[in-house]
Amino acid sequence: MPALRWTIVIPYYNEEAWLPATRDSLSAQTLRPFRVVLVDNASTDSTPTLARQWADRQQGIEVTLLTQPTPGQVHALEMGISTVETEFIAICDADTIYPPHYLETATRRLD
């Protein structure tokens, strides 16, 4: 298996309407393996459950679930970034769909 070079950090707060599309776009990435760090920023909806369900089904994607109770995206990002040990990091949004070659293209350009 190739080396793990990427970690994607996604902070979220009440993104149940958007997170499923975002996570599906990550599942469709052509570059494997990679790691995703999902940081719940005290959501009050079902987003943490959706994140956990997705994490349980992944192959070739290492998923870490964190909870940051202090309000504010900066706190969630700080927590997520502090866990990164890979060569590359992508800060992504929970309400964005990423093209299937997102990581592959970024790797090629960075290499």
C-alpha atoms as a PDB file:
ATOM      1  CA  MET A   1       0.000   0.000   0.000  1.00  0.00           C
ATOM      2  CA  PRO A   2       1.329   3.488  -0.801  1.00  0.00           C
ATOM      3  CA  ALA A   3       2.457   5.774   1.985  1.00  0.00           C
ATOM      4  CA  LEU A   4      -0.102   7.927   3.753  1.00  0.00           C
ATOM      5  CA  ARG A   5       0.748  11.473   2.595  1.00  0.00           C
ATOM      6  CA  TRP A   6      -2.507  13.428   3.101  1.00  0.00           C
ATOM      7  CA  THR A   7      -4.711  14.411   6.000  1.00  0.00           C
ATOM      8  CA  ILE A   8      -7.939  16.279   5.335  1.00  0.00           C
ATOM      9  CA  VAL A   9      -9.229  18.285   8.300  1.00  0.00           C
ATOM     10  CA  ILE A  10     -12.919  19.173   8.256  1.00  0.00           C
ATOM     11  CA  PRO A  11     -14.449  21.147  11.110  1.00  0.00           C
ATOM     12  CA  TYR A  12     -18.230  21.075  11.203  1.00  0.00           C
ATOM     13  CA  TYR A  13     -21.193  22.478  13.073  1.00  0.00           C
ATOM     14  CA  ASN A  14     -24.754  21.406  12.211  1.00  0.00           C
ATOM     15  CA  GLU A  15     -23.977  20.281   8.662  1.00  0.00           C
ATOM     16  CA  GLU A  16     -26.436  17.374   8.374  1.00  0.00           C
ATOM     17  CA  ALA A  17     -27.785  18.776   5.085  1.00  0.00           C
ATOM     18  CA  TRP A  18     -24.306  19.066   3.541  1.00  0.00           C
ATOM     19  CA  LEU A  19     -21.925  16.569   5.109  1.00  0.00           C
ATOM     20  CA  PRO A  20     -23.265  13.514   3.234  1.00  0.00           C
ATOM     21  CA  ALA A  21     -22.360  15.027  -0.165  1.00  0.00           C
ATOM     22  CA  THR A  22     -18.967  16.141   1.119  1.00  0.00           C
ATOM     23  CA  ARG A  23     -18.098  12.758   2.578  1.00  0.00           C
ATOM     24  CA  ASP A  24     -19.281  10.996  -0.601  1.00  0.00           C
ATOM     25  CA  SER A  25     -16.961  13.209  -2.645  1.00  0.00           C
ATOM     26  CA  LEU A  26     -14.104  12.193  -0.351  1.00  0.00           C
ATOM     27  CA  SER A  27     -14.997   8.516  -0.736  1.00  0.00           C
ATOM     28  CA  ALA A  28     -14.701   8.987  -4.509  1.00  0.00           C
ATOM     29  CA  GLN A  29     -11.109  10.288  -4.385  1.00  0.00           C
ATOM     30  CA  THR A  30      -8.822   8.478  -6.821  1.00  0.00           C
ATOM     31  CA  LEU A  31      -5.764   8.810  -4.593  1.00  0.00           C
ATOM     32  CA  ARG A  32      -5.565   6.382  -1.668  1.00  0.00           C
ATOM     33  CA  PRO A  33      -4.754   6.069   1.162  1.00  0.00           C
ATOM     34  CA  PHE A  34      -5.454   9.283   3.026  1.00  0.00           C
ATOM     35  CA  ARG A  35      -6.725  10.355   6.415  1.00  0.00           C
ATOM     36  CA  VAL A  36      -9.762  12.456   7.282  1.00  0.00           C
ATOM     37  CA  VAL A  37     -10.111  14.240  10.613  1.00  0.00           C
ATOM     38  CA  LEU A  38     -13.712  15.298  11.258  1.00  0.00           C
ATOM     39  CA  VAL A  39     -14.037  17.753  14.120  1.00  0.00           C
ATOM     40  CA  ASP A  40     -17.497  18.280  15.561  1.00  0.00           C
ATOM     41  CA  ASN A  41     -17.805  21.801  16.944  1.00  0.00           C
ATOM     42  CA  ALA A  42     -20.712  21.076  19.326  1.00  0.00           C
ATOM     43  CA  SER A  43     -23.348  20.257  16.718  1.00  0.00           C
ATOM     44  CA  THR A  44     -26.916  19.957  17.943  1.00  0.00           C
ATOM     45  CA  ASP A  45     -28.212  18.025  14.920  1.00  0.00           C
ATOM     46  CA  SER A  46     -27.444  14.557  13.535  1.00  0.00           C
ATOM     47  CA  THR A  47     -24.128  15.476  11.890  1.00  0.00           C
ATOM     48  CA  PRO A  48     -21.972  13.575  14.436  1.00  0.00           C
ATOM     49  CA  THR A  49     -24.021  10.421  13.820  1.00  0.00           C
ATOM     50  CA  LEU A  50     -23.655  10.823  10.042  1.00  0.00           C
ATOM     51  CA  ALA A  51     -19.896  11.273  10.454  1.00  0.00           C
ATOM     52  CA  ARG A  52     -19.607   8.165  12.635  1.00  0.00           C
ATOM     53  CA  GLN A  53     -21.645   6.033  10.231  1.00  0.00           C
ATOM     54  CA  TRP A  54     -19.444   7.089   7.319  1.00  0.00           C
ATOM     55  CA  ALA A  55     -16.236   6.491   9.279  1.00  0.00           C
ATOM     56  CA  ASP A  56     -17.296   2.938  10.097  1.00  0.00           C
ATOM     57  CA  ARG A  57     -17.645   2.056   6.390  1.00  0.00           C
ATOM     58  CA  GLN A  58     -14.364   3.372   4.996  1.00  0.00           C
ATOM     59  CA  GLN A  59     -11.616   1.373   3.339  1.00  0.00           C
ATOM     60  CA  GLY A  60      -8.420   3.098   2.288  1.00  0.00           C
ATOM     61  CA  ILE A  61      -9.444   6.148   4.274  1.00  0.00           C
ATOM     62  CA  GLU A  62      -8.366   6.448   7.876  1.00  0.00           C
ATOM     63  CA  VAL A  63     -11.003   8.483   9.724  1.00  0.00           C
ATOM     64  CA  THR A  64     -10.549  10.210  13.072  1.00  0.00           C
ATOM     65  CA  LEU A  65     -13.559  11.719  14.837  1.00  0.00           C
ATOM     66  CA  LEU A  66     -12.969  14.498  17.345  1.00  0.00           C
ATOM     67  CA  THR A  67     -15.224  16.743  19.396  1.00  0.00           C
ATOM     68  CA  GLN A  68     -14.333  20.343  20.172  1.00  0.00           C
ATOM     69  CA  PRO A  69     -16.875  21.816  22.619  1.00  0.00           C
ATOM     70  CA  THR A  70     -15.453  25.350  22.471  1.00  0.00           C
ATOM     71  CA  PRO A  71     -17.493  27.287  19.900  1.00  0.00           C
ATOM     72  CA  GLY A  72     -15.733  28.673  16.862  1.00  0.00           C
ATOM     73  CA  GLN A  73     -14.194  27.230  13.733  1.00  0.00           C
ATOM     74  CA  VAL A  74     -10.702  28.285  14.776  1.00  0.00           C
ATOM     75  CA  HIS A  75     -10.888  26.019  17.853  1.00  0.00           C
ATOM     76  CA  ALA A  76     -12.066  23.053  15.777  1.00  0.00           C
ATOM     77  CA  LEU A  77      -9.327  23.648  13.204  1.00  0.00           C
ATOM     78  CA  GLU A  78      -6.673  23.956  15.888  1.00  0.00           C
ATOM     79  CA  MET A  79      -7.735  20.633  17.380  1.00  0.00           C
ATOM     80  CA  GLY A  80      -7.825  18.860  14.014  1.00  0.00           C
ATOM     81  CA  ILE A  81      -4.530  20.281  12.764  1.00  0.00           C
ATOM     82  CA  SER A  82      -2.798  19.277  15.998  1.00  0.00           C
ATOM     83  CA  THR A  83      -3.343  15.605  15.090  1.00  0.00           C
ATOM     84  CA  VAL A  84      -1.760  15.797  11.629  1.00  0.00           C
ATOM     85  CA  GLU A  85       1.388  13.764  11.065  1.00  0.00           C
ATOM     86  CA  THR A  86       1.286  13.480   7.277  1.00  0.00           C
ATOM     87  CA  GLU A  87       3.353  15.332   4.702  1.00  0.00           C
ATOM     88  CA  PHE A  88       0.363  17.251   3.328  1.00  0.00           C
ATOM     89  CA  ILE A  89      -2.748  18.732   4.906  1.00  0.00           C
ATOM     90  CA  ALA A  90      -5.944  19.968   3.288  1.00  0.00           C
ATOM     91  CA  ILE A  91      -8.332  22.163   5.237  1.00  0.00           C
ATOM     92  CA  CYS A  92     -11.740  21.439   3.765  1.00  0.00           C
ATOM     93  CA  ASP A  93     -15.284  22.600   4.363  1.00  0.00           C
ATOM     94  CA  ALA A  94     -18.144  20.329   5.388  1.00  0.00           C
ATOM     95  CA  ASP A  95     -20.420  21.913   2.778  1.00  0.00           C
ATOM     96  CA  THR A  96     -18.236  21.476  -0.312  1.00  0.00           C
ATOM     97  CA  ILE A  97     -18.099  18.740  -2.930  1.00  0.00           C
ATOM     98  CA  TYR A  98     -14.553  17.893  -3.960  1.00  0.00           C
ATOM     99  CA  PRO A  99     -13.775  16.542  -7.456  1.00  0.00           C
ATOM    100  CA  PRO A 100     -12.547  12.922  -7.576  1.00  0.00           C
ATOM    101  CA  HIS A 101      -9.034  13.969  -8.598  1.00  0.00           C
ATOM    102  CA  TYR A 102      -8.704  16.666  -5.909  1.00  0.00           C
ATOM    103  CA  LEU A 103      -5.948  14.965  -3.891  1.00  0.00           C
ATOM    104  CA  GLU A 104      -4.301  13.393  -6.922  1.00  0.00           C
ATOM    105  CA  THR A 105      -4.021  16.761  -8.684  1.00  0.00           C
ATOM    106  CA  ALA A 106      -2.736  18.488  -5.560  1.00  0.00           C
ATOM    107  CA  THR A 107      -0.123  15.753  -5.038  1.00  0.00           C
ATOM    108  CA  ARG A 108       1.091  16.002  -8.610  1.00  0.00           C
ATOM    109  CA  ARG A 109       1.456  19.789  -8.322  1.00  0.00           C
ATOM    110  CA  LEU A 110       3.200  19.639  -4.945  1.00  0.00           C
ATOM    111  CA  ASP A 111       5.590  16.903  -6.083  1.00  0.00           C
END
